[in-house]
Amino acid sequence: MSINPAKAIRDAVVSTLQTLVDGYFSALPDGTVLVRDGWPDARAGIPSGTYIVITSGAASSESHAPVPYSSTTAAGVVTQLYDIANLNLNVQVDVFADHPDQRDALVPIVRGAFCTLPLAGSAELTLSGYHNAQATVKVTGESDDDPAGPIPGRWRHTFEVAARVDVLVSHDWYALNRLDLSLNGDILTLESV
């Protein structure tokens, strides 16, 4: 099973923000403020309303010597995960609204999602689509656009977010319950407990 860690990071950001926004605006139906992975279809024009768009650049990785990460055993097979690299991904989170007060209500919610570890100024997101690994995310920059900006008629706040996760690979081993060895003509039996 091939799992893309960059996609898992974007999925976790989308899921986390959608849950926070829906919880904050609990009087509104869930999904009223849509958090989406990727830009809306340009052929349909720029949509109105309030929404959040998640995009990212290309991921980069820094390899290192394999480090055992976790191990599970099922039906006599041991699956060992190894951490073989650090993956870095720059994520952009754009908050769009028709009015500045709508945008400004969302900015602290989004900022808070990336700063749950106050002393570190970062947060950890669980990547359910990637071995439940923990990705570290941190806001590295913010900016505002107004209706005179690059997207006419829309109020936008942009967060630049740095994300990092371990690159994990798995290897299966067969669990050995009993081993019979012949040692100088004597049979030696080794059994696991």
Protein backbone atom coordinates (compact mmCIF):
# COMPACT_ATOMS: atom_id res chain seq x y z
CA MET A 1 0.00 0.00 0.00
CA SER A 2 1.57 3.24 -1.14
CA ILE A 3 0.63 6.22 1.00
CA ASN A 4 1.55 9.77 -0.01
CA PRO A 5 2.68 11.70 3.11
CA ALA A 6 2.22 15.13 1.41
CA LYS A 7 -1.41 14.27 0.58
CA ALA A 8 -1.89 12.97 4.13
CA ILE A 9 -0.68 16.32 5.51
CA ARG A 10 -3.11 18.28 3.30
CA ASP A 11 -5.96 15.92 4.26
CA ALA A 12 -5.18 16.41 7.97
CA VAL A 13 -5.09 20.20 7.58
CA VAL A 14 -8.45 20.16 5.74
CA SER A 15 -10.04 17.83 8.31
CA THR A 16 -8.69 19.74 11.32
CA LEU A 17 -9.79 23.13 9.99
CA GLN A 18 -13.25 21.87 8.93
CA THR A 19 -13.81 20.41 12.40
CA LEU A 20 -12.68 23.62 14.13
CA VAL A 21 -14.76 25.89 11.87
CA ASP A 22 -17.88 23.72 12.20
CA GLY A 23 -17.45 23.67 15.99
CA TYR A 24 -16.92 27.42 16.24
CA PHE A 25 -19.96 28.22 14.09
CA SER A 26 -22.12 25.50 15.67
CA ALA A 27 -25.33 27.47 15.01
CA LEU A 28 -24.73 27.02 11.26
CA PRO A 29 -25.05 23.70 9.40
CA ASP A 30 -21.74 21.79 9.14
CA GLY A 31 -19.85 22.70 5.98
CA THR A 32 -21.35 26.21 5.72
CA VAL A 33 -17.78 27.46 5.63
CA LEU A 34 -16.19 24.89 3.32
CA VAL A 35 -12.55 23.91 3.76
CA ARG A 36 -11.27 22.45 0.50
CA ASP A 37 -8.08 20.81 -0.78
CA GLY A 38 -7.20 22.80 -3.90
CA TRP A 39 -8.59 25.76 -5.78
CA PRO A 40 -12.17 25.87 -7.06
CA ASP A 41 -12.58 25.19 -10.79
CA ALA A 42 -11.38 28.35 -12.57
CA ARG A 43 -13.85 27.81 -15.45
CA ALA A 44 -16.72 28.37 -13.02
CA GLY A 45 -15.34 31.76 -11.94
CA ILE A 46 -14.43 32.91 -8.46
CA PRO A 47 -17.11 31.67 -6.05
CA SER A 48 -18.71 33.99 -3.54
CA GLY A 49 -19.21 33.18 0.12
CA THR A 50 -16.75 32.27 2.82
CA TYR A 51 -14.40 29.33 2.30
CA ILE A 52 -10.86 28.16 3.03
CA VAL A 53 -8.52 26.76 0.38
CA ILE A 54 -5.54 24.49 1.12
CA THR A 55 -2.72 24.24 -1.45
CA SER A 56 0.90 23.13 -1.27
CA GLY A 57 4.14 23.21 -3.18
CA ALA A 58 6.37 20.27 -3.97
CA ALA A 59 7.56 18.26 -1.00
CA SER A 60 11.27 17.93 -0.24
CA SER A 61 12.93 15.28 1.87
CA GLU A 62 16.18 14.79 3.78
CA SER A 63 17.24 11.13 3.98
CA HIS A 64 18.88 9.62 7.05
CA ALA A 65 19.83 6.16 8.28
CA PRO A 66 16.74 3.97 8.90
CA VAL A 67 15.38 4.16 12.44
CA PRO A 68 12.82 1.65 13.77
CA TYR A 69 9.51 3.50 14.22
CA SER A 70 6.92 0.91 15.24
CA SER A 71 6.19 -2.80 15.08
CA THR A 72 2.95 -4.81 14.92
CA THR A 73 2.35 -8.57 14.74
CA ALA A 74 -0.69 -10.19 13.16
CA ALA A 75 -1.20 -13.76 11.92
CA GLY A 76 2.47 -14.63 12.35
CA VAL A 77 3.73 -11.61 10.36
CA VAL A 78 5.68 -8.80 11.99
CA THR A 79 5.28 -5.47 10.20
CA GLN A 80 8.11 -3.10 11.06
CA LEU A 81 7.90 0.60 10.13
CA TYR A 82 11.18 2.44 9.61
CA ASP A 83 11.70 6.21 9.58
CA ILE A 84 14.03 6.83 6.61
CA ALA A 85 13.75 10.61 5.99
CA ASN A 86 12.17 13.90 7.02
CA LEU A 87 9.60 15.25 4.57
CA ASN A 88 9.07 19.03 4.46
CA LEU A 89 6.04 20.61 2.79
CA ASN A 90 5.05 24.26 2.43
CA VAL A 91 1.28 24.59 2.74
CA GLN A 92 -0.73 27.70 1.91
CA VAL A 93 -4.07 28.30 3.66
CA ASP A 94 -6.23 31.03 2.09
CA VAL A 95 -9.32 32.34 3.91
CA PHE A 96 -11.76 34.00 1.46
CA ALA A 97 -14.84 36.05 2.37
CA ASP A 98 -17.25 38.57 0.85
CA HIS A 99 -16.73 40.95 3.79
CA PRO A 100 -13.77 41.73 6.08
CA ASP A 101 -15.69 40.86 9.28
CA GLN A 102 -16.39 37.35 7.93
CA ARG A 103 -12.71 36.85 7.11
CA ASP A 104 -11.55 38.34 10.40
CA ALA A 105 -13.77 35.92 12.38
CA LEU A 106 -11.97 32.96 10.79
CA VAL A 107 -8.37 34.18 11.06
CA PRO A 108 -7.87 33.39 14.80
CA ILE A 109 -9.52 29.96 14.37
CA VAL A 110 -7.12 29.03 11.57
CA ARG A 111 -4.11 30.50 13.42
CA GLY A 112 -5.05 28.52 16.54
CA ALA A 113 -5.09 25.24 14.58
CA PHE A 114 -1.38 25.68 13.90
CA CYS A 115 -0.36 26.80 17.39
CA THR A 116 -1.62 24.25 19.94
CA LEU A 117 1.88 23.90 21.41
CA PRO A 118 2.32 27.50 22.62
CA LEU A 119 5.96 27.32 23.71
CA ALA A 120 6.94 25.82 20.36
CA GLY A 121 4.59 28.04 18.36
CA SER A 122 3.50 24.97 16.42
CA ALA A 123 1.02 22.08 16.46
CA GLU A 124 1.02 18.37 15.79
CA LEU A 125 -1.58 16.84 13.50
CA THR A 126 -2.27 13.10 13.41
CA LEU A 127 -2.14 11.79 9.85
CA SER A 128 -4.83 9.10 9.92
CA GLY A 129 -4.10 8.34 6.26
CA TYR A 130 -0.38 7.81 6.94
CA HIS A 131 0.28 5.29 9.73
CA ASN A 132 -1.17 7.77 12.30
CA ALA A 133 2.17 9.60 12.14
CA GLN A 134 2.44 13.03 13.76
CA ALA A 135 3.13 15.97 11.44
CA THR A 136 4.48 19.18 12.94
CA VAL A 137 2.92 22.34 11.46
CA LYS A 138 3.87 25.95 12.09
CA VAL A 139 2.74 29.30 10.64
CA THR A 140 5.75 31.01 9.03
CA GLY A 141 3.98 34.01 7.52
CA GLU A 142 0.63 35.79 7.13
CA SER A 143 -0.77 38.49 4.85
CA ASP A 144 -4.07 40.21 3.98
CA ASP A 145 -5.56 41.13 0.62
CA ASP A 146 -8.52 43.44 0.16
CA PRO A 147 -10.97 43.71 -2.76
CA ALA A 148 -8.48 45.85 -4.69
CA GLY A 149 -5.95 42.99 -4.50
CA PRO A 150 -5.22 40.20 -6.99
CA ILE A 151 -8.67 38.60 -6.60
CA PRO A 152 -11.17 41.44 -7.17
CA GLY A 153 -14.15 41.64 -4.83
CA ARG A 154 -12.80 39.10 -2.31
CA TRP A 155 -11.33 39.63 1.15
CA ARG A 156 -8.48 37.17 1.72
CA HIS A 157 -6.06 36.27 4.51
CA THR A 158 -3.17 33.96 3.64
CA PHE A 159 -1.24 31.73 6.03
CA GLU A 160 2.08 30.21 5.01
CA VAL A 161 2.56 26.98 6.95
CA ALA A 162 5.65 24.75 7.19
CA ALA A 163 4.86 21.07 7.74
CA ARG A 164 7.23 18.22 8.59
CA VAL A 165 6.66 14.48 8.95
CA ASP A 166 8.80 11.35 9.08
CA VAL A 167 8.93 9.34 5.85
CA LEU A 168 7.97 5.80 6.82
CA VAL A 169 8.48 2.53 4.96
CA SER A 170 7.30 -0.89 6.06
CA HIS A 171 8.92 -4.28 5.94
CA ASP A 172 7.24 -7.57 6.78
CA TRP A 173 9.01 -10.36 8.65
CA TYR A 174 7.63 -13.77 9.53
CA ALA A 175 7.34 -14.36 13.24
CA LEU A 176 9.36 -17.39 14.29
CA ASN A 177 7.66 -19.49 16.94
CA ARG A 178 9.95 -22.53 16.86
CA LEU A 179 13.35 -23.23 15.41
CA ASP A 180 15.08 -26.64 15.46
CA LEU A 181 18.86 -26.46 15.06
CA SER A 182 21.31 -29.30 14.69
CA LEU A 183 24.36 -28.44 16.79
CA ASN A 184 27.16 -31.05 16.74
CA GLY A 185 24.59 -33.78 16.05
CA ASP A 186 22.28 -32.67 18.86
CA ILE A 187 18.90 -31.08 18.06
CA LEU A 188 18.45 -27.75 19.81
CA THR A 189 14.94 -26.29 19.85
CA LEU A 190 14.35 -22.58 20.28
CA GLU A 191 10.81 -21.40 20.97
CA SER A 192 9.43 -17.92 21.47
CA VAL A 193 7.44 -17.19 24.58
